[in-house]
């Protein structure tokens, strides 16, 4: 009987852990979906997004197109990405303070640029 109780507690702990990971993944998915318009606005430059850790957005860029873009376009991309990330993050984490980062990386993970803001 004790073995059955231990298995029950282990199962409950596992389910609790899975549901918290799932909740975090759901928040990440909502935040990434809010960033998706950047792929349409900068189709040759923006390749994808990831959230690492909770307050950092990883924005993957095509390095060749990033380098070829003019300074105004890159400045607008950084500004738009940071504004969208701030809005998405704030919506999912109301009344929470943090320093939000957008890290621009190339296809092998090298840092290309960064942008930060306080919430």
N, C-alpha and C. Protein backbone atom coordinates (compact mmCIF):
# COMPACT_ATOMS: atom_id res chain seq x y z
N UNK A 1 0.82 -1.19 0.00
CA UNK A 1 0.00 0.00 0.00
C UNK A 1 0.86 1.26 0.00
N UNK A 2 1.96 1.24 0.75
CA UNK A 2 2.85 2.40 0.77
C UNK A 2 3.45 2.65 -0.60
N UNK A 3 3.78 1.56 -1.31
CA UNK A 3 4.33 1.72 -2.66
C UNK A 3 3.33 2.42 -3.59
N UNK A 4 2.08 2.06 -3.46
CA UNK A 4 1.05 2.69 -4.28
C UNK A 4 0.93 4.18 -3.96
N UNK A 5 1.05 4.54 -2.69
CA UNK A 5 0.98 5.94 -2.27
C UNK A 5 2.17 6.72 -2.83
N UNK A 6 3.37 6.11 -2.78
CA UNK A 6 4.57 6.76 -3.31
C UNK A 6 4.43 6.99 -4.81
N UNK A 7 3.90 5.99 -5.51
CA UNK A 7 3.70 6.12 -6.96
C UNK A 7 2.69 7.23 -7.24
N UNK A 8 1.65 7.33 -6.42
CA UNK A 8 0.65 8.38 -6.59
C UNK A 8 1.24 9.76 -6.41
N UNK A 9 2.07 9.93 -5.38
CA UNK A 9 2.73 11.22 -5.17
C UNK A 9 3.69 11.56 -6.30
N UNK A 10 4.42 10.56 -6.78
CA UNK A 10 5.35 10.78 -7.89
C UNK A 10 4.60 11.19 -9.14
N UNK A 11 3.48 10.54 -9.40
CA UNK A 11 2.67 10.87 -10.57
C UNK A 11 2.12 12.29 -10.45
N UNK A 12 1.63 12.65 -9.26
CA UNK A 12 1.11 14.00 -9.05
C UNK A 12 2.20 15.05 -9.26
N UNK A 13 3.40 14.79 -8.76
CA UNK A 13 4.52 15.73 -8.93
C UNK A 13 4.90 15.86 -10.40
N UNK A 14 4.90 14.75 -11.12
CA UNK A 14 5.23 14.77 -12.55
C UNK A 14 4.19 15.56 -13.33
N UNK A 15 2.92 15.34 -13.03
CA UNK A 15 1.87 16.08 -13.73
C UNK A 15 1.95 17.57 -13.42
N UNK A 16 2.25 17.92 -12.20
CA UNK A 16 2.38 19.33 -11.85
C UNK A 16 3.54 19.97 -12.60
N UNK A 17 4.65 19.25 -12.70
CA UNK A 17 5.81 19.78 -13.43
C UNK A 17 5.49 19.94 -14.91
N UNK A 18 4.80 18.97 -15.48
CA UNK A 18 4.46 19.05 -16.90
C UNK A 18 3.50 20.20 -17.18
N UNK A 19 2.53 20.41 -16.29
CA UNK A 19 1.58 21.48 -16.53
C UNK A 19 2.24 22.85 -16.42
N UNK A 20 3.24 23.01 -15.53
CA UNK A 20 3.91 24.30 -15.43
C UNK A 20 4.78 24.55 -16.66
N UNK A 21 5.39 23.53 -17.19
CA UNK A 21 6.15 23.70 -18.43
C UNK A 21 5.21 24.03 -19.58
N UNK A 22 4.08 23.40 -19.59
CA UNK A 22 3.11 23.65 -20.63
C UNK A 22 2.59 25.09 -20.55
N UNK A 23 2.36 25.57 -19.34
CA UNK A 23 1.88 26.95 -19.18
C UNK A 23 2.93 27.94 -19.67
N UNK A 24 4.19 27.68 -19.34
CA UNK A 24 5.27 28.56 -19.81
C UNK A 24 5.37 28.51 -21.32
N UNK A 25 5.25 27.33 -21.90
CA UNK A 25 5.32 27.19 -23.35
C UNK A 25 4.17 27.94 -24.01
N UNK A 26 2.99 27.89 -23.39
CA UNK A 26 1.85 28.62 -23.94
C UNK A 26 2.10 30.12 -23.94
N UNK A 27 2.68 30.64 -22.87
CA UNK A 27 3.02 32.07 -22.80
C UNK A 27 4.04 32.40 -23.88
N UNK A 28 5.07 31.56 -24.02
CA UNK A 28 6.09 31.77 -25.05
C UNK A 28 5.47 31.77 -26.43
N UNK A 29 4.54 30.85 -26.67
CA UNK A 29 3.89 30.77 -27.98
C UNK A 29 3.08 32.03 -28.28
N UNK A 30 2.39 32.56 -27.28
CA UNK A 30 1.62 33.79 -27.47
C UNK A 30 2.56 34.95 -27.77
N UNK A 31 3.66 35.03 -27.03
CA UNK A 31 4.62 36.11 -27.26
C UNK A 31 5.26 36.01 -28.64
N UNK A 32 5.60 34.82 -29.06
CA UNK A 32 6.21 34.63 -30.38
C UNK A 32 5.19 34.95 -31.48
N UNK A 33 3.94 34.58 -31.28
CA UNK A 33 2.90 34.90 -32.26
C UNK A 33 2.76 36.41 -32.43
N UNK A 34 2.93 37.14 -31.34
CA UNK A 34 2.84 38.60 -31.41
C UNK A 34 4.00 39.19 -32.22
N UNK A 35 5.10 38.46 -32.30
CA UNK A 35 6.27 38.94 -33.04
C UNK A 35 6.19 38.58 -34.53
N UNK A 36 5.33 37.67 -34.91
CA UNK A 36 5.26 37.15 -36.28
C UNK A 36 5.12 38.23 -37.36
N UNK A 37 4.40 39.34 -37.13
CA UNK A 37 4.32 40.35 -38.19
C UNK A 37 5.68 40.89 -38.63
N UNK A 38 6.68 40.81 -37.78
CA UNK A 38 8.02 41.27 -38.20
C UNK A 38 8.56 40.44 -39.36
N UNK A 39 8.19 39.16 -39.43
CA UNK A 39 8.64 38.32 -40.54
C UNK A 39 8.05 38.79 -41.86
N UNK A 40 6.84 39.35 -41.80
CA UNK A 40 6.20 39.87 -43.02
C UNK A 40 6.70 41.28 -43.35
N UNK A 41 7.00 42.04 -42.31
CA UNK A 41 7.47 43.40 -42.51
C UNK A 41 8.92 43.43 -43.02
N UNK A 42 9.75 42.48 -42.55
CA UNK A 42 11.16 42.37 -42.96
C UNK A 42 11.40 40.94 -43.44
N UNK A 43 10.78 40.56 -44.56
CA UNK A 43 10.77 39.15 -44.97
C UNK A 43 12.14 38.55 -45.29
N UNK A 44 13.04 39.34 -45.79
CA UNK A 44 14.35 38.79 -46.14
C UNK A 44 15.33 38.79 -44.97
N UNK A 45 15.01 39.54 -43.93
CA UNK A 45 15.93 39.70 -42.81
C UNK A 45 15.54 38.81 -41.63
N UNK A 46 14.28 38.87 -41.20
CA UNK A 46 13.82 38.15 -40.01
C UNK A 46 13.46 36.71 -40.38
N UNK A 47 14.11 35.77 -39.69
CA UNK A 47 13.89 34.36 -39.97
C UNK A 47 13.06 33.64 -38.91
N UNK A 48 13.19 34.03 -37.64
CA UNK A 48 12.43 33.34 -36.60
C UNK A 48 12.67 33.93 -35.22
N UNK A 49 11.99 33.33 -34.23
CA UNK A 49 12.03 33.84 -32.87
C UNK A 49 12.12 32.69 -31.87
N UNK A 50 12.65 33.02 -30.70
CA UNK A 50 12.66 32.09 -29.57
C UNK A 50 12.72 32.93 -28.31
N UNK A 51 12.23 32.40 -27.21
CA UNK A 51 12.27 33.10 -25.93
C UNK A 51 13.26 32.37 -25.03
N UNK A 52 14.32 33.07 -24.60
CA UNK A 52 15.37 32.49 -23.74
C UNK A 52 15.99 33.55 -22.90
N UNK A 53 16.13 33.45 -21.69
CA UNK A 53 15.12 32.97 -20.75
C UNK A 53 13.87 33.83 -20.86
N UNK A 54 13.11 33.90 -19.84
CA UNK A 54 11.78 34.50 -19.90
C UNK A 54 11.76 35.94 -20.42
N UNK A 55 12.77 36.72 -20.17
CA UNK A 55 12.72 38.13 -20.57
C UNK A 55 13.61 38.46 -21.77
N UNK A 56 14.13 37.46 -22.44
CA UNK A 56 14.98 37.68 -23.61
C UNK A 56 14.34 37.04 -24.85
N UNK A 57 14.18 37.85 -25.87
CA UNK A 57 13.70 37.35 -27.15
C UNK A 57 14.90 37.17 -28.06
N UNK A 58 15.03 35.99 -28.63
CA UNK A 58 16.06 35.72 -29.63
C UNK A 58 15.41 35.91 -31.00
N UNK A 59 15.96 36.80 -31.78
CA UNK A 59 15.45 37.07 -33.12
C UNK A 59 16.53 36.64 -34.11
N UNK A 60 16.24 35.61 -34.89
CA UNK A 60 17.19 35.10 -35.88
C UNK A 60 17.08 35.90 -37.16
N UNK A 61 18.23 36.30 -37.69
CA UNK A 61 18.25 37.09 -38.92
C UNK A 61 19.10 36.39 -39.98
N UNK A 62 18.78 36.69 -41.23
CA UNK A 62 19.63 36.28 -42.34
C UNK A 62 20.74 37.32 -42.41
N UNK A 63 21.93 36.92 -42.05
CA UNK A 63 23.03 37.87 -41.89
C UNK A 63 23.33 38.64 -43.18
N UNK A 64 23.27 37.97 -44.31
CA UNK A 64 23.57 38.64 -45.58
C UNK A 64 22.60 39.78 -45.84
N UNK A 65 21.30 39.50 -45.68
CA UNK A 65 20.30 40.55 -45.91
C UNK A 65 20.36 41.62 -44.82
N UNK A 66 20.71 41.22 -43.60
CA UNK A 66 20.85 42.19 -42.51
C UNK A 66 21.97 43.18 -42.84
N UNK A 67 23.09 42.66 -43.29
CA UNK A 67 24.24 43.51 -43.64
C UNK A 67 23.92 44.41 -44.84
N UNK A 68 23.19 43.88 -45.80
CA UNK A 68 22.86 44.64 -47.01
C UNK A 68 21.80 45.72 -46.77
N UNK A 69 21.02 45.60 -45.70
CA UNK A 69 19.97 46.58 -45.43
C UNK A 69 20.58 47.92 -45.04
N UNK A 70 19.87 48.99 -45.37
CA UNK A 70 20.39 50.32 -45.01
C UNK A 70 20.21 50.58 -43.52
N UNK A 71 20.91 51.58 -43.02
CA UNK A 71 20.90 51.89 -41.59
C UNK A 71 19.51 52.23 -41.07
N UNK A 72 18.71 52.93 -41.86
CA UNK A 72 17.36 53.28 -41.43
C UNK A 72 16.49 52.04 -41.26
N UNK A 73 16.64 51.07 -42.16
CA UNK A 73 15.87 49.83 -42.07
C UNK A 73 16.27 49.04 -40.83
N UNK A 74 17.55 48.94 -40.55
CA UNK A 74 18.02 48.21 -39.36
C UNK A 74 17.55 48.90 -38.09
N UNK A 75 17.63 50.23 -38.06
CA UNK A 75 17.16 50.98 -36.89
C UNK A 75 15.66 50.77 -36.68
N UNK A 76 14.90 50.77 -37.77
CA UNK A 76 13.46 50.54 -37.68
C UNK A 76 13.17 49.12 -37.22
N UNK A 77 13.92 48.14 -37.72
CA UNK A 77 13.75 46.75 -37.29
C UNK A 77 13.99 46.62 -35.79
N UNK A 78 15.07 47.19 -35.31
CA UNK A 78 15.38 47.12 -33.87
C UNK A 78 14.28 47.79 -33.04
N UNK A 79 13.85 48.96 -33.49
CA UNK A 79 12.81 49.70 -32.78
C UNK A 79 11.49 48.92 -32.77
N UNK A 80 11.10 48.39 -33.94
CA UNK A 80 9.86 47.63 -34.05
C UNK A 80 9.91 46.36 -33.22
N UNK A 81 11.02 45.65 -33.28
CA UNK A 81 11.16 44.40 -32.53
C UNK A 81 11.06 44.65 -31.03
N UNK A 82 11.73 45.68 -30.56
CA UNK A 82 11.71 46.00 -29.14
C UNK A 82 10.31 46.44 -28.69
N UNK A 83 9.65 47.24 -29.49
CA UNK A 83 8.30 47.70 -29.15
C UNK A 83 7.31 46.53 -29.12
N UNK A 84 7.39 45.65 -30.10
CA UNK A 84 6.50 44.48 -30.13
C UNK A 84 6.78 43.54 -28.97
N UNK A 85 8.06 43.30 -28.69
CA UNK A 85 8.44 42.42 -27.59
C UNK A 85 7.93 42.99 -26.26
N UNK A 86 8.10 44.29 -26.08
CA UNK A 86 7.64 44.92 -24.84
C UNK A 86 6.12 44.79 -24.70
N UNK A 87 5.39 45.04 -25.76
CA UNK A 87 3.92 44.93 -25.70
C UNK A 87 3.48 43.49 -25.43
N UNK A 88 4.09 42.54 -26.12
CA UNK A 88 3.73 41.13 -25.93
C UNK A 88 4.09 40.66 -24.53
N UNK A 89 5.27 41.01 -24.07
CA UNK A 89 5.73 40.56 -22.76
C UNK A 89 4.88 41.18 -21.66
N UNK A 90 4.58 42.46 -21.77
CA UNK A 90 3.78 43.15 -20.76
C UNK A 90 2.37 42.56 -20.68
N UNK A 91 1.81 42.20 -21.82
CA UNK A 91 0.48 41.60 -21.83
C UNK A 91 0.45 40.26 -21.11
N UNK A 92 1.52 39.49 -21.24
CA UNK A 92 1.58 38.17 -20.62
C UNK A 92 2.12 38.18 -19.19
N UNK A 93 2.74 39.28 -18.77
CA UNK A 93 3.31 39.40 -17.43
C UNK A 93 2.88 40.72 -16.80
N UNK A 94 1.57 40.90 -16.58
CA UNK A 94 1.09 42.18 -16.06
C UNK A 94 1.68 42.48 -14.67
N UNK A 95 1.96 43.74 -14.45
CA UNK A 95 2.46 44.23 -13.15
C UNK A 95 3.82 43.62 -12.78
N UNK A 96 4.58 43.20 -13.77
CA UNK A 96 5.90 42.63 -13.52
C UNK A 96 6.95 43.57 -14.11
N UNK A 97 8.03 43.73 -13.37
CA UNK A 97 9.12 44.59 -13.84
C UNK A 97 10.28 43.71 -14.29
N UNK A 98 10.95 44.16 -15.36
CA UNK A 98 12.10 43.41 -15.89
C UNK A 98 12.86 44.29 -16.87
N UNK A 99 14.03 43.83 -17.21
CA UNK A 99 14.77 44.42 -18.33
C UNK A 99 14.58 43.44 -19.48
N UNK A 100 13.93 43.91 -20.52
CA UNK A 100 13.67 43.06 -21.68
C UNK A 100 14.79 43.23 -22.69
N UNK A 101 15.19 42.12 -23.28
CA UNK A 101 16.26 42.13 -24.28
C UNK A 101 15.76 41.48 -25.57
N UNK A 102 16.16 42.08 -26.66
CA UNK A 102 16.01 41.43 -27.97
C UNK A 102 17.43 41.21 -28.46
N UNK A 103 17.78 39.96 -28.65
CA UNK A 103 19.12 39.60 -29.14
C UNK A 103 18.98 39.11 -30.57
N UNK A 104 19.64 39.80 -31.48
CA UNK A 104 19.64 39.43 -32.90
C UNK A 104 20.82 38.49 -33.13
N UNK A 105 20.54 37.32 -33.68
CA UNK A 105 21.60 36.35 -33.94
C UNK A 105 21.55 35.89 -35.39
N UNK A 106 22.69 35.37 -35.86
CA UNK A 106 22.72 34.82 -37.22
C UNK A 106 22.39 33.33 -37.16
N UNK A 107 22.51 32.63 -38.29
CA UNK A 107 22.08 31.23 -38.38
C UNK A 107 22.90 30.27 -37.53
N UNK A 108 24.08 30.67 -37.09
CA UNK A 108 24.87 29.78 -36.22
C UNK A 108 24.91 30.28 -34.78
N UNK A 109 24.08 31.25 -34.46
CA UNK A 109 23.95 31.71 -33.09
C UNK A 109 24.86 32.83 -32.66
N UNK A 110 25.61 33.41 -33.59
CA UNK A 110 26.48 34.55 -33.24
C UNK A 110 25.63 35.79 -33.04
N UNK A 111 25.95 36.55 -32.01
CA UNK A 111 25.24 37.78 -31.72
C UNK A 111 25.55 38.82 -32.79
N UNK A 112 24.51 39.39 -33.37
CA UNK A 112 24.64 40.42 -34.39
C UNK A 112 24.37 41.79 -33.77
N UNK A 113 23.35 41.86 -32.91
CA UNK A 113 22.98 43.13 -32.27
C UNK A 113 22.13 42.83 -31.04
N UNK A 114 21.93 43.84 -30.20
CA UNK A 114 21.07 43.74 -29.02
C UNK A 114 20.28 45.01 -28.89
N UNK A 115 19.12 44.90 -28.24
CA UNK A 115 18.33 46.06 -27.87
C UNK A 115 17.69 45.74 -26.52
N UNK A 116 17.59 46.73 -25.64
CA UNK A 116 17.01 46.50 -24.32
C UNK A 116 16.08 47.64 -23.94
N UNK A 117 15.16 47.33 -23.03
CA UNK A 117 14.25 48.31 -22.47
C UNK A 117 13.80 47.84 -21.10
N UNK A 118 13.44 48.79 -20.26
CA UNK A 118 12.91 48.45 -18.93
C UNK A 118 11.39 48.44 -18.98
N UNK A 119 10.82 47.53 -18.20
CA UNK A 119 9.37 47.46 -18.05
C UNK A 119 9.06 47.62 -16.59
